[in-house]
Amino acid sequence: MSNKSKDFYCDEVLSGNTQVEKVLETTNVLAFYHTHPFYEKHIVVIPKKHIVSLISVRRDDVNVMEEIFDVIKEVATRMNEKFGACTVSTNIGDYQSNKHMHWHVHFGKRIRD
């Protein structure tokens, strides 16, 4: 991510500036293969609405959150059926590389640090 870009997901992915391989898309949520994966199979799930992180979710975001969890569930189910396991996680604060809520669904060996 360049220094000019403050939000890779809004500025690049959702704008279409960076093309991604979509896994699942709904009205409010996009799941796609990570552009620089850390694991053998690595999918990112994001809301199309800018929400900073899990701890900044507001009551009026409930419909978006329901949709996010539906998409995470579907992606995780597919990965679990194919590989027998997966990890689902999100980061907050300084652990968050991009200040746009995003969830990782991944399987396999770590392929980079």
PDB file of N, CA and C in Angstrom:
ATOM      1  N   MET A   1       0.848  -1.176   0.000  1.00  0.00           N
ATOM      2  CA  MET A   1       0.000   0.000   0.000  1.00  0.00           C
ATOM      3  C   MET A   1       0.889   1.232   0.000  1.00  0.00           C
ATOM      4  N   SER A   2       0.617   2.146  -0.882  1.00  0.00           N
ATOM      5  CA  SER A   2       1.431   3.351  -0.947  1.00  0.00           C
ATOM      6  C   SER A   2       1.100   4.274   0.213  1.00  0.00           C
ATOM      7  N   ASN A   3       1.992   5.241   0.454  1.00  0.00           N
ATOM      8  CA  ASN A   3       1.756   6.201   1.522  1.00  0.00           C
ATOM      9  C   ASN A   3       0.530   7.061   1.252  1.00  0.00           C
ATOM     10  N   LYS A   4       0.187   7.267  -0.014  1.00  0.00           N
ATOM     11  CA  LYS A   4      -0.979   8.079  -0.352  1.00  0.00           C
ATOM     12  C   LYS A   4      -2.276   7.368  -0.006  1.00  0.00           C
ATOM     13  N   SER A   5      -2.287   6.056  -0.116  1.00  0.00           N
ATOM     14  CA  SER A   5      -3.493   5.291   0.110  1.00  0.00           C
ATOM     15  C   SER A   5      -3.689   5.039   1.597  1.00  0.00           C
ATOM     16  N   LYS A   6      -4.798   5.518   2.131  1.00  0.00           N
ATOM     17  CA  LYS A   6      -5.083   5.350   3.548  1.00  0.00           C
ATOM     18  C   LYS A   6      -5.917   4.105   3.799  1.00  0.00           C
ATOM     19  N   ASP A   7      -6.654   3.660   2.809  1.00  0.00           N
ATOM     20  CA  ASP A   7      -7.536   2.513   2.969  1.00  0.00           C
ATOM     21  C   ASP A   7      -7.490   1.686   1.694  1.00  0.00           C
ATOM     22  N   PHE A   8      -6.675   0.654   1.697  1.00  0.00           N
ATOM     23  CA  PHE A   8      -6.499  -0.183   0.507  1.00  0.00           C
ATOM     24  C   PHE A   8      -7.835  -0.730   0.006  1.00  0.00           C
ATOM     25  N   TYR A   9      -8.705  -1.139   0.926  1.00  0.00           N
ATOM     26  CA  TYR A   9      -9.962  -1.755   0.500  1.00  0.00           C
ATOM     27  C   TYR A   9     -10.903  -0.759  -0.169  1.00  0.00           C
ATOM     28  N   CYS A  10     -11.025   0.432   0.374  1.00  0.00           N
ATOM     29  CA  CYS A  10     -11.865   1.459  -0.269  1.00  0.00           C
ATOM     30  C   CYS A  10     -11.178   2.029  -1.512  1.00  0.00           C
ATOM     31  N   ASP A  11      -9.907   2.446  -1.336  1.00  0.00           N
ATOM     32  CA  ASP A  11      -9.192   3.152  -2.397  1.00  0.00           C
ATOM     33  C   ASP A  11      -8.836   2.272  -3.585  1.00  0.00           C
ATOM     34  N   GLU A  12      -8.572   1.003  -3.334  1.00  0.00           N
ATOM     35  CA  GLU A  12      -8.091   0.128  -4.401  1.00  0.00           C
ATOM     36  C   GLU A  12      -9.086  -0.965  -4.804  1.00  0.00           C
ATOM     37  N   VAL A  13      -9.512  -1.769  -3.847  1.00  0.00           N
ATOM     38  CA  VAL A  13     -10.349  -2.931  -4.169  1.00  0.00           C
ATOM     39  C   VAL A  13     -11.765  -2.512  -4.558  1.00  0.00           C
ATOM     40  N   LEU A  14     -12.449  -1.791  -3.678  1.00  0.00           N
ATOM     41  CA  LEU A  14     -13.843  -1.435  -3.948  1.00  0.00           C
ATOM     42  C   LEU A  14     -13.985  -0.438  -5.093  1.00  0.00           C
ATOM     43  N   SER A  15     -12.956   0.368  -5.314  1.00  0.00           N
ATOM     44  CA  SER A  15     -12.982   1.332  -6.423  1.00  0.00           C
ATOM     45  C   SER A  15     -12.730   0.655  -7.763  1.00  0.00           C
ATOM     46  N   GLY A  16     -12.137  -0.548  -7.720  1.00  0.00           N
ATOM     47  CA  GLY A  16     -11.785  -1.244  -8.952  1.00  0.00           C
ATOM     48  C   GLY A  16     -10.388  -0.946  -9.447  1.00  0.00           C
ATOM     49  N   ASN A  17      -9.641  -0.091  -8.745  1.00  0.00           N
ATOM     50  CA  ASN A  17      -8.271   0.222  -9.148  1.00  0.00           C
ATOM     51  C   ASN A  17      -7.360  -0.997  -9.090  1.00  0.00           C
ATOM     52  N   THR A  18      -7.592  -1.851  -8.100  1.00  0.00           N
ATOM     53  CA  THR A  18      -6.863  -3.109  -7.983  1.00  0.00           C
ATOM     54  C   THR A  18      -7.852  -4.234  -8.229  1.00  0.00           C
ATOM     55  N   GLN A  19      -7.584  -5.032  -9.237  1.00  0.00           N
ATOM     56  CA  GLN A  19      -8.462  -6.158  -9.559  1.00  0.00           C
ATOM     57  C   GLN A  19      -8.199  -7.297  -8.581  1.00  0.00           C
ATOM     58  N   VAL A  20      -9.288  -7.928  -8.133  1.00  0.00           N
ATOM     59  CA  VAL A  20      -9.176  -9.063  -7.223  1.00  0.00           C
ATOM     60  C   VAL A  20      -9.978 -10.230  -7.780  1.00  0.00           C
ATOM     61  N   GLU A  21      -9.603 -11.423  -7.336  1.00  0.00           N
ATOM     62  CA  GLU A  21     -10.358 -12.615  -7.721  1.00  0.00           C
ATOM     63  C   GLU A  21     -11.453 -12.821  -6.673  1.00  0.00           C
ATOM     64  N   LYS A  22     -12.682 -12.528  -7.075  1.00  0.00           N
ATOM     65  CA  LYS A  22     -13.813 -12.604  -6.152  1.00  0.00           C
ATOM     66  C   LYS A  22     -14.169 -14.053  -5.848  1.00  0.00           C
ATOM     67  N   VAL A  23     -14.535 -14.274  -4.587  1.00  0.00           N
ATOM     68  CA  VAL A  23     -14.991 -15.580  -4.130  1.00  0.00           C
ATOM     69  C   VAL A  23     -16.501 -15.545  -3.959  1.00  0.00           C
ATOM     70  N   LEU A  24     -17.003 -14.463  -3.364  1.00  0.00           N
ATOM     71  CA  LEU A  24     -18.428 -14.293  -3.101  1.00  0.00           C
ATOM     72  C   LEU A  24     -18.700 -12.812  -2.933  1.00  0.00           C
ATOM     73  N   GLU A  25     -19.798 -12.355  -3.515  1.00  0.00           N
ATOM     74  CA  GLU A  25     -20.161 -10.945  -3.385  1.00  0.00           C
ATOM     75  C   GLU A  25     -21.646 -10.838  -3.131  1.00  0.00           C
ATOM     76  N   THR A  26     -21.999  -9.979  -2.172  1.00  0.00           N
ATOM     77  CA  THR A  26     -23.388  -9.679  -1.874  1.00  0.00           C
ATOM     78  C   THR A  26     -23.567  -8.170  -2.002  1.00  0.00           C
ATOM     79  N   THR A  27     -24.725  -7.685  -1.663  1.00  0.00           N
ATOM     80  CA  THR A  27     -24.990  -6.250  -1.748  1.00  0.00           C
ATOM     81  C   THR A  27     -24.002  -5.432  -0.929  1.00  0.00           C
ATOM     82  N   ASN A  28     -23.665  -5.911   0.276  1.00  0.00           N
ATOM     83  CA  ASN A  28     -22.857  -5.130   1.207  1.00  0.00           C
ATOM     84  C   ASN A  28     -21.495  -5.715   1.553  1.00  0.00           C
ATOM     85  N   VAL A  29     -21.163  -6.872   0.964  1.00  0.00           N
ATOM     86  CA  VAL A  29     -19.946  -7.579   1.375  1.00  0.00           C
ATOM     87  C   VAL A  29     -19.225  -8.152   0.153  1.00  0.00           C
ATOM     88  N   LEU A  30     -17.897  -8.162   0.232  1.00  0.00           N
ATOM     89  CA  LEU A  30     -17.074  -8.762  -0.818  1.00  0.00           C
ATOM     90  C   LEU A  30     -16.064  -9.697  -0.173  1.00  0.00           C
ATOM     91  N   ALA A  31     -15.987 -10.927  -0.696  1.00  0.00           N
ATOM     92  CA  ALA A  31     -14.958 -11.887  -0.299  1.00  0.00           C
ATOM     93  C   ALA A  31     -14.095 -12.146  -1.522  1.00  0.00           C
ATOM     94  N   PHE A  32     -12.766 -12.099  -1.332  1.00  0.00           N
ATOM     95  CA  PHE A  32     -11.850 -12.261  -2.458  1.00  0.00           C
ATOM     96  C   PHE A  32     -10.545 -12.870  -1.977  1.00  0.00           C
ATOM     97  N   TYR A  33      -9.792 -13.435  -2.922  1.00  0.00           N
ATOM     98  CA  TYR A  33      -8.483 -13.979  -2.578  1.00  0.00           C
ATOM     99  C   TYR A  33      -7.537 -12.827  -2.242  1.00  0.00           C
ATOM    100  N   HIS A  34      -6.824 -12.973  -1.137  1.00  0.00           N
ATOM    101  CA  HIS A  34      -5.866 -11.969  -0.671  1.00  0.00           C
ATOM    102  C   HIS A  34      -4.900 -11.636  -1.809  1.00  0.00           C
ATOM    103  N   THR A  35      -4.600 -10.357  -1.995  1.00  0.00           N
ATOM    104  CA  THR A  35      -3.721  -9.938  -3.092  1.00  0.00           C
ATOM    105  C   THR A  35      -2.261 -10.306  -2.838  1.00  0.00           C
ATOM    106  N   HIS A  36      -1.868 -10.464  -1.592  1.00  0.00           N
ATOM    107  CA  HIS A  36      -0.519 -10.899  -1.205  1.00  0.00           C
ATOM    108  C   HIS A  36      -0.672 -11.882  -0.045  1.00  0.00           C
ATOM    109  N   PRO A  37      -1.116 -13.102  -0.345  1.00  0.00           N
ATOM    110  CA  PRO A  37      -1.494 -14.046   0.716  1.00  0.00           C
ATOM    111  C   PRO A  37      -0.352 -14.425   1.659  1.00  0.00           C
ATOM    112  N   PHE A  38      -0.744 -14.657   2.909  1.00  0.00           N
ATOM    113  CA  PHE A  38       0.178 -15.129   3.928  1.00  0.00           C
ATOM    114  C   PHE A  38       0.078 -16.641   4.101  1.00  0.00           C
ATOM    115  N   TYR A  39      -0.997 -17.229   3.576  1.00  0.00           N
ATOM    116  CA  TYR A  39      -1.242 -18.661   3.715  1.00  0.00           C
ATOM    117  C   TYR A  39      -1.533 -19.266   2.352  1.00  0.00           C
ATOM    118  N   GLU A  40      -1.442 -20.580   2.263  1.00  0.00           N
ATOM    119  CA  GLU A  40      -1.652 -21.273   0.988  1.00  0.00           C
ATOM    120  C   GLU A  40      -3.006 -20.918   0.364  1.00  0.00           C
ATOM    121  N   LYS A  41      -4.028 -20.901   1.151  1.00  0.00           N
ATOM    122  CA  LYS A  41      -5.362 -20.454   0.728  1.00  0.00           C
ATOM    123  C   LYS A  41      -5.744 -19.332   1.668  1.00  0.00           C
ATOM    124  N   HIS A  42      -5.952 -18.116   1.126  1.00  0.00           N
ATOM    125  CA  HIS A  42      -6.168 -16.947   1.977  1.00  0.00           C
ATOM    126  C   HIS A  42      -7.209 -16.033   1.349  1.00  0.00           C
ATOM    127  N   ILE A  43      -8.358 -15.956   1.997  1.00  0.00           N
ATOM    128  CA  ILE A  43      -9.477 -15.143   1.509  1.00  0.00           C
ATOM    129  C   ILE A  43      -9.728 -14.018   2.502  1.00  0.00           C
ATOM    130  N   VAL A  44     -10.066 -12.836   1.983  1.00  0.00           N
ATOM    131  CA  VAL A  44     -10.386 -11.672   2.798  1.00  0.00           C
ATOM    132  C   VAL A  44     -11.869 -11.351   2.592  1.00  0.00           C
ATOM    133  N   VAL A  45     -12.560 -11.031   3.690  1.00  0.00           N
ATOM    134  CA  VAL A  45     -13.970 -10.652   3.633  1.00  0.00           C
ATOM    135  C   VAL A  45     -14.083  -9.232   4.177  1.00  0.00           C
ATOM    136  N   ILE A  46     -14.664  -8.331   3.378  1.00  0.00           N
ATOM    137  CA  ILE A  46     -14.776  -6.921   3.779  1.00  0.00           C
ATOM    138  C   ILE A  46     -16.197  -6.409   3.588  1.00  0.00           C
ATOM    139  N   PRO A  47     -16.605  -5.453   4.426  1.00  0.00           N
ATOM    140  CA  PRO A  47     -17.858  -4.753   4.147  1.00  0.00           C
ATOM    141  C   PRO A  47     -17.590  -3.724   3.051  1.00  0.00           C
ATOM    142  N   LYS A  48     -18.562  -3.484   2.207  1.00  0.00           N
ATOM    143  CA  LYS A  48     -18.411  -2.442   1.188  1.00  0.00           C
ATOM    144  C   LYS A  48     -18.525  -1.057   1.812  1.00  0.00           C
ATOM    145  N   LYS A  49     -19.152  -0.968   2.961  1.00  0.00           N
ATOM    146  CA  LYS A  49     -19.233   0.271   3.729  1.00  0.00           C
ATOM    147  C   LYS A  49     -17.959   0.391   4.551  1.00  0.00           C
ATOM    148  N   HIS A  50     -17.402   1.585   4.643  1.00  0.00           N
ATOM    149  CA  HIS A  50     -16.198   1.768   5.460  1.00  0.00           C
ATOM    150  C   HIS A  50     -16.562   1.677   6.938  1.00  0.00           C
ATOM    151  N   ILE A  51     -16.056   0.640   7.572  1.00  0.00           N
ATOM    152  CA  ILE A  51     -16.144   0.461   9.024  1.00  0.00           C
ATOM    153  C   ILE A  51     -14.710   0.205   9.468  1.00  0.00           C
ATOM    154  N   VAL A  52     -14.221   0.952  10.417  1.00  0.00           N
ATOM    155  CA  VAL A  52     -12.806   0.874  10.786  1.00  0.00           C
ATOM    156  C   VAL A  52     -12.426  -0.499  11.328  1.00  0.00           C
ATOM    157  N   SER A  53     -13.167  -0.999  12.310  1.00  0.00           N
ATOM    158  CA  SER A  53     -12.836  -2.299  12.898  1.00  0.00           C
ATOM    159  C   SER A  53     -14.049  -2.845  13.640  1.00  0.00           C
ATOM    160  N   LEU A  54     -13.906  -4.033  14.159  1.00  0.00           N
ATOM    161  CA  LEU A  54     -14.985  -4.674  14.900  1.00  0.00           C
ATOM    162  C   LEU A  54     -15.448  -3.808  16.069  1.00  0.00           C
ATOM    163  N   ILE A  55     -14.525  -3.130  16.738  1.00  0.00           N
ATOM    164  CA  ILE A  55     -14.917  -2.338  17.908  1.00  0.00           C
ATOM    165  C   ILE A  55     -15.536  -0.982  17.550  1.00  0.00           C
ATOM    166  N   SER A  56     -15.565  -0.654  16.262  1.00  0.00           N
ATOM    167  CA  SER A  56     -16.220   0.595  15.852  1.00  0.00           C
ATOM    168  C   SER A  56     -17.582   0.348  15.201  1.00  0.00           C
ATOM    169  N   VAL A  57     -18.038  -0.904  15.213  1.00  0.00           N
ATOM    170  CA  VAL A  57     -19.352  -1.226  14.642  1.00  0.00           C
ATOM    171  C   VAL A  57     -20.427  -0.523  15.464  1.00  0.00           C
ATOM    172  N   ARG A  58     -21.375   0.087  14.745  1.00  0.00           N
ATOM    173  CA  ARG A  58     -22.475   0.808  15.397  1.00  0.00           C
ATOM    174  C   ARG A  58     -23.768   0.010  15.253  1.00  0.00           C
ATOM    175  N   ARG A  59     -24.741   0.341  16.049  1.00  0.00           N
ATOM    176  CA  ARG A  59     -26.028  -0.364  15.986  1.00  0.00           C
ATOM    177  C   ARG A  59     -26.638  -0.316  14.591  1.00  0.00           C
ATOM    178  N   ASP A  60     -26.451   0.786  13.874  1.00  0.00           N
ATOM    179  CA  ASP A  60     -27.037   0.875  12.529  1.00  0.00           C
ATOM    180  C   ASP A  60     -26.253   0.062  11.492  1.00  0.00           C
ATOM    181  N   ASP A  61     -25.183  -0.605  11.926  1.00  0.00           N
ATOM    182  CA  ASP A  61     -24.420  -1.498  11.048  1.00  0.00           C
ATOM    183  C   ASP A  61     -24.874  -2.952  11.178  1.00  0.00           C
ATOM    184  N   VAL A  62     -25.938  -3.204  11.935  1.00  0.00           N
ATOM    185  CA  VAL A  62     -26.341  -4.578  12.223  1.00  0.00           C
ATOM    186  C   VAL A  62     -26.630  -5.377  10.949  1.00  0.00           C
ATOM    187  N   ASN A  63     -27.263  -4.777   9.960  1.00  0.00           N
ATOM    188  CA  ASN A  63     -27.557  -5.514   8.719  1.00  0.00           C
ATOM    189  C   ASN A  63     -26.285  -5.865   7.964  1.00  0.00           C
ATOM    190  N   VAL A  64     -25.339  -4.948   7.941  1.00  0.00           N
ATOM    191  CA  VAL A  64     -24.057  -5.212   7.290  1.00  0.00           C
ATOM    192  C   VAL A  64     -23.325  -6.334   8.027  1.00  0.00           C
ATOM    193  N   MET A  65     -23.351  -6.294   9.351  1.00  0.00           N
ATOM    194  CA  MET A  65     -22.666  -7.326  10.133  1.00  0.00           C
ATOM    195  C   MET A  65     -23.306  -8.695   9.931  1.00  0.00           C
ATOM    196  N   GLU A  66     -24.618  -8.741   9.864  1.00  0.00           N
ATOM    197  CA  GLU A  66     -25.291 -10.018   9.595  1.00  0.00           C
ATOM    198  C   GLU A  66     -24.836 -10.577   8.250  1.00  0.00           C
ATOM    199  N   GLU A  67     -24.751  -9.700   7.262  1.00  0.00           N
ATOM    200  CA  GLU A  67     -24.315 -10.114   5.925  1.00  0.00           C
ATOM    201  C   GLU A  67     -22.849 -10.563   5.937  1.00  0.00           C
ATOM    202  N   ILE A  68     -22.009  -9.847   6.670  1.00  0.00           N
ATOM    203  CA  ILE A  68     -20.598 -10.236   6.778  1.00  0.00           C
ATOM    204  C   ILE A  68     -20.488 -11.643   7.356  1.00  0.00           C
ATOM    205  N   PHE A  69     -21.211 -11.887   8.440  1.00  0.00           N
ATOM    206  CA  PHE A  69     -21.110 -13.206   9.066  1.00  0.00           C
ATOM    207  C   PHE A  69     -21.718 -14.298   8.199  1.00  0.00           C
ATOM    208  N   ASP A  70     -22.734 -13.978   7.428  1.00  0.00           N
ATOM    209  CA  ASP A  70     -23.267 -14.955   6.468  1.00  0.00           C
ATOM    210  C   ASP A  70     -22.212 -15.311   5.420  1.00  0.00           C
ATOM    211  N   VAL A  71     -21.509 -14.305   4.911  1.00  0.00           N
ATOM    212  CA  VAL A  71     -20.466 -14.541   3.900  1.00  0.00           C
ATOM    213  C   VAL A  71     -19.294 -15.296   4.521  1.00  0.00           C
ATOM    214  N   ILE A  72     -18.857 -14.883   5.713  1.00  0.00           N
ATOM    215  CA  ILE A  72     -17.769 -15.594   6.389  1.00  0.00           C
ATOM    216  C   ILE A  72     -18.159 -17.058   6.587  1.00  0.00           C
ATOM    217  N   LYS A  73     -19.376 -17.293   7.028  1.00  0.00           N
ATOM    218  CA  LYS A  73     -19.839 -18.661   7.254  1.00  0.00           C
ATOM    219  C   LYS A  73     -19.785 -19.470   5.958  1.00  0.00           C
ATOM    220  N   GLU A  74     -20.242 -18.890   4.857  1.00  0.00           N
ATOM    221  CA  GLU A  74     -20.244 -19.596   3.574  1.00  0.00           C
ATOM    222  C   GLU A  74     -18.820 -19.882   3.098  1.00  0.00           C
ATOM    223  N   VAL A  75     -17.950 -18.899   3.174  1.00  0.00           N
ATOM    224  CA  VAL A  75     -16.556 -19.074   2.745  1.00  0.00           C
ATOM    225  C   VAL A  75     -15.858 -20.109   3.626  1.00  0.00           C
ATOM    226  N   ALA A  76     -16.052 -20.013   4.945  1.00  0.00           N
ATOM    227  CA  ALA A  76     -15.429 -20.961   5.869  1.00  0.00           C
ATOM    228  C   ALA A  76     -15.979 -22.373   5.659  1.00  0.00           C
ATOM    229  N   THR A  77     -17.264 -22.478   5.384  1.00  0.00           N
ATOM    230  CA  THR A  77     -17.865 -23.787   5.122  1.00  0.00           C
ATOM    231  C   THR A  77     -17.251 -24.423   3.884  1.00  0.00           C
ATOM    232  N   ARG A  78     -17.117 -23.641   2.825  1.00  0.00           N
ATOM    233  CA  ARG A  78     -16.504 -24.153   1.588  1.00  0.00           C
ATOM    234  C   ARG A  78     -15.072 -24.619   1.841  1.00  0.00           C
ATOM    235  N   MET A  79     -14.311 -23.789   2.578  1.00  0.00           N
ATOM    236  CA  MET A  79     -12.914 -24.129   2.830  1.00  0.00           C
ATOM    237  C   MET A  79     -12.825 -25.369   3.716  1.00  0.00           C
ATOM    238  N   ASN A  80     -13.664 -25.450   4.721  1.00  0.00           N
ATOM    239  CA  ASN A  80     -13.672 -26.605   5.605  1.00  0.00           C
ATOM    240  C   ASN A  80     -14.046 -27.880   4.852  1.00  0.00           C
ATOM    241  N   GLU A  81     -15.030 -27.780   3.953  1.00  0.00           N
ATOM    242  CA  GLU A  81     -15.423 -28.951   3.162  1.00  0.00           C
ATOM    243  C   GLU A  81     -14.298 -29.407   2.242  1.00  0.00           C
ATOM    244  N   LYS A  82     -13.554 -28.456   1.695  1.00  0.00           N
ATOM    245  CA  LYS A  82     -12.487 -28.790   0.753  1.00  0.00           C
ATOM    246  C   LYS A  82     -11.217 -29.271   1.457  1.00  0.00           C
ATOM    247  N   PHE A  83     -10.858 -28.643   2.587  1.00  0.00           N
ATOM    248  CA  PHE A  83      -9.571 -28.927   3.230  1.00  0.00           C
ATOM    249  C   PHE A  83      -9.680 -29.549   4.624  1.00  0.00           C
ATOM    250  N   GLY A  84     -10.865 -29.545   5.213  1.00  0.00           N
ATOM    251  CA  GLY A  84     -11.044 -30.137   6.533  1.00  0.00           C
ATOM    252  C   GLY A  84     -10.784 -29.199   7.696  1.00  0.00           C
ATOM    253  N   ALA A  85     -10.455 -27.934   7.408  1.00  0.00           N
ATOM    254  CA  ALA A  85     -10.178 -26.968   8.476  1.00  0.00           C
ATOM    255  C   ALA A  85      -9.980 -25.578   7.875  1.00  0.00           C
ATOM    256  N   CYS A  86     -10.051 -24.565   8.721  1.00  0.00           N
ATOM    257  CA  CYS A  86      -9.665 -23.199   8.342  1.00  0.00           C
ATOM    258  C   CYS A  86      -9.608 -22.347   9.600  1.00  0.00           C
ATOM    259  N   THR A  87      -9.036 -21.179   9.460  1.00  0.00           N
ATOM    260  CA  THR A  87      -8.985 -20.195  10.537  1.00  0.00           C
ATOM    261  C   THR A  87      -9.751 -18.965  10.076  1.00  0.00           C
ATOM    262  N   VAL A  88     -10.532 -18.374  10.990  1.00  0.00           N
ATOM    263  CA  VAL A  88     -11.239 -17.119  10.725  1.00  0.00           C
ATOM    264  C   VAL A  88     -10.761 -16.129  11.774  1.00  0.00           C
ATOM    265  N   SER A  89     -10.304 -14.944  11.324  1.00  0.00           N
ATOM    266  CA  SER A  89      -9.801 -13.964  12.287  1.00  0.00           C
ATOM    267  C   SER A  89      -9.966 -12.547  11.774  1.00  0.00           C
ATOM    268  N   THR A  90      -9.910 -11.607  12.714  1.00  0.00           N
ATOM    269  CA  THR A  90      -9.861 -10.187  12.387  1.00  0.00           C
ATOM    270  C   THR A  90      -8.897  -9.530  13.366  1.00  0.00           C
ATOM    271  N   ASN A  91      -8.329  -8.411  12.975  1.00  0.00           N
ATOM    272  CA  ASN A  91      -7.390  -7.684  13.822  1.00  0.00           C
ATOM    273  C   ASN A  91      -7.980  -6.350  14.231  1.00  0.00           C
ATOM    274  N   ILE A  92      -7.469  -5.811  15.328  1.00  0.00           N
ATOM    275  CA  ILE A  92      -7.946  -4.541  15.871  1.00  0.00           C
ATOM    276  C   ILE A  92      -6.736  -3.706  16.294  1.00  0.00           C
ATOM    277  N   GLY A  93      -6.856  -2.395  16.151  1.00  0.00           N
ATOM    278  CA  GLY A  93      -5.814  -1.485  16.632  1.00  0.00           C
ATOM    279  C   GLY A  93      -4.520  -1.620  15.854  1.00  0.00           C
ATOM    280  N   ASP A  94      -3.415  -1.623  16.569  1.00  0.00           N
ATOM    281  CA  ASP A  94      -2.104  -1.668  15.925  1.00  0.00           C
ATOM    282  C   ASP A  94      -1.861  -2.970  15.167  1.00  0.00           C
ATOM    283  N   TYR A  95      -2.606  -4.025  15.473  1.00  0.00           N
ATOM    284  CA  TYR A  95      -2.475  -5.282  14.730  1.00  0.00           C
ATOM    285  C   TYR A  95      -3.126  -5.186  13.355  1.00  0.00           C
ATOM    286  N   GLN A  96      -3.911  -4.159  13.145  1.00  0.00           N
ATOM    287  CA  GLN A  96      -4.669  -3.992  11.907  1.00  0.00           C
ATOM    288  C   GLN A  96      -3.834  -3.249  10.871  1.00  0.00           C
ATOM    289  N   SER A  97      -3.433  -3.945   9.804  1.00  0.00           N
ATOM    290  CA  SER A  97      -2.577  -3.334   8.786  1.00  0.00           C
ATOM    291  C   SER A  97      -3.327  -2.296   7.956  1.00  0.00           C
ATOM    292  N   ASN A  98      -4.622  -2.426   7.850  1.00  0.00           N
ATOM    293  CA  ASN A  98      -5.447  -1.497   7.086  1.00  0.00           C
ATOM    294  C   ASN A  98      -6.660  -1.153   7.938  1.00  0.00           C
ATOM    295  N   LYS A  99      -6.915   0.127   8.093  1.00  0.00           N
ATOM    296  CA  LYS A  99      -7.995   0.565   8.984  1.00  0.00           C
ATOM    297  C   LYS A  99      -9.356   0.515   8.284  1.00  0.00           C
ATOM    298  N   HIS A 100      -9.689  -0.675   7.820  1.00  0.00           N
ATOM    299  CA  HIS A 100     -11.008  -0.991   7.246  1.00  0.00           C
ATOM    300  C   HIS A 100     -11.268  -2.411   7.725  1.00  0.00           C
ATOM    301  N   MET A 101     -12.361  -2.615   8.461  1.00  0.00           N
ATOM    302  CA  MET A 101     -12.621  -3.935   9.014  1.00  0.00           C
ATOM    303  C   MET A 101     -12.506  -4.988   7.925  1.00  0.00           C
ATOM    304  N   HIS A 102     -11.737  -6.016   8.209  1.00  0.00           N
ATOM    305  CA  HIS A 102     -11.595  -7.124   7.273  1.00  0.00           C
ATOM    306  C   HIS A 102     -11.359  -8.398   8.060  1.00  0.00           C
ATOM    307  N   TRP A 103     -11.836  -9.469   7.502  1.00  0.00           N
ATOM    308  CA  TRP A 103     -11.749 -10.785   8.130  1.00  0.00           C
ATOM    309  C   TRP A 103     -10.931 -11.689   7.228  1.00  0.00           C
ATOM    310  N   HIS A 104     -10.087 -12.491   7.840  1.00  0.00           N
ATOM    311  CA  HIS A 104      -9.280 -13.453   7.099  1.00  0.00           C
ATOM    312  C   HIS A 104      -9.878 -14.842   7.285  1.00  0.00           C
ATOM    313  N   VAL A 105     -10.009 -15.565   6.194  1.00  0.00           N
ATOM    314  CA  VAL A 105     -10.382 -16.971   6.233  1.00  0.00           C
ATOM    315  C   VAL A 105      -9.257 -17.681   5.507  1.00  0.00           C
ATOM    316  N   HIS A 106      -8.498 -18.505   6.247  1.00  0.00           N
ATOM    317  CA  HIS A 106      -7.337 -19.107   5.595  1.00  0.00           C
ATOM    318  C   HIS A 106      -7.109 -20.543   6.035  1.00  0.00           C
ATOM    319  N   PHE A 107      -6.340 -21.234   5.188  1.00  0.00           N
ATOM    320  CA  PHE A 107      -5.969 -22.620   5.425  1.00  0.00           C
ATOM    321  C   PHE A 107      -4.556 -22.848   4.912  1.00  0.00           C
ATOM    322  N   GLY A 108      -3.871 -23.756   5.535  1.00  0.00           N
ATOM    323  CA  GLY A 108      -2.566 -24.191   5.040  1.00  0.00           C
ATOM    324  C   GLY A 108      -1.406 -23.537   5.748  1.00  0.00           C
ATOM    325  N   LYS A 109      -0.241 -23.830   5.205  1.00  0.00           N
ATOM    326  CA  LYS A 109       1.006 -23.334   5.777  1.00  0.00           C
ATOM    327  C   LYS A 109       1.157 -21.842   5.508  1.00  0.00           C
ATOM    328  N   ARG A 110       1.809 -21.176   6.448  1.00  0.00           N
ATOM    329  CA  ARG A 110       2.156 -19.759   6.250  1.00  0.00           C
ATOM    330  C   ARG A 110       3.227 -19.713   5.163  1.00  0.00           C
ATOM    331  N   ILE A 111       3.028 -18.871   4.169  1.00  0.00           N
ATOM    332  CA  ILE A 111       3.954 -18.819   3.035  1.00  0.00           C
ATOM    333  C   ILE A 111       4.815 -17.562   3.023  1.00  0.00           C
ATOM    334  N   ARG A 112       4.530 -16.614   3.914  1.00  0.00           N
ATOM    335  CA  ARG A 112       5.381 -15.432   4.049  1.00  0.00           C
ATOM    336  C   ARG A 112       5.109 -14.761   5.382  1.00  0.00           C
ATOM    337  N   ASP A 113       6.061 -13.905   5.829  1.00  0.00           N
ATOM    338  CA  ASP A 113       5.894 -13.177   7.093  1.00  0.00           C
ATOM    339  C   ASP A 113       5.318 -11.819   6.848  1.00  0.00           C
TER     340      ASP A 113
END
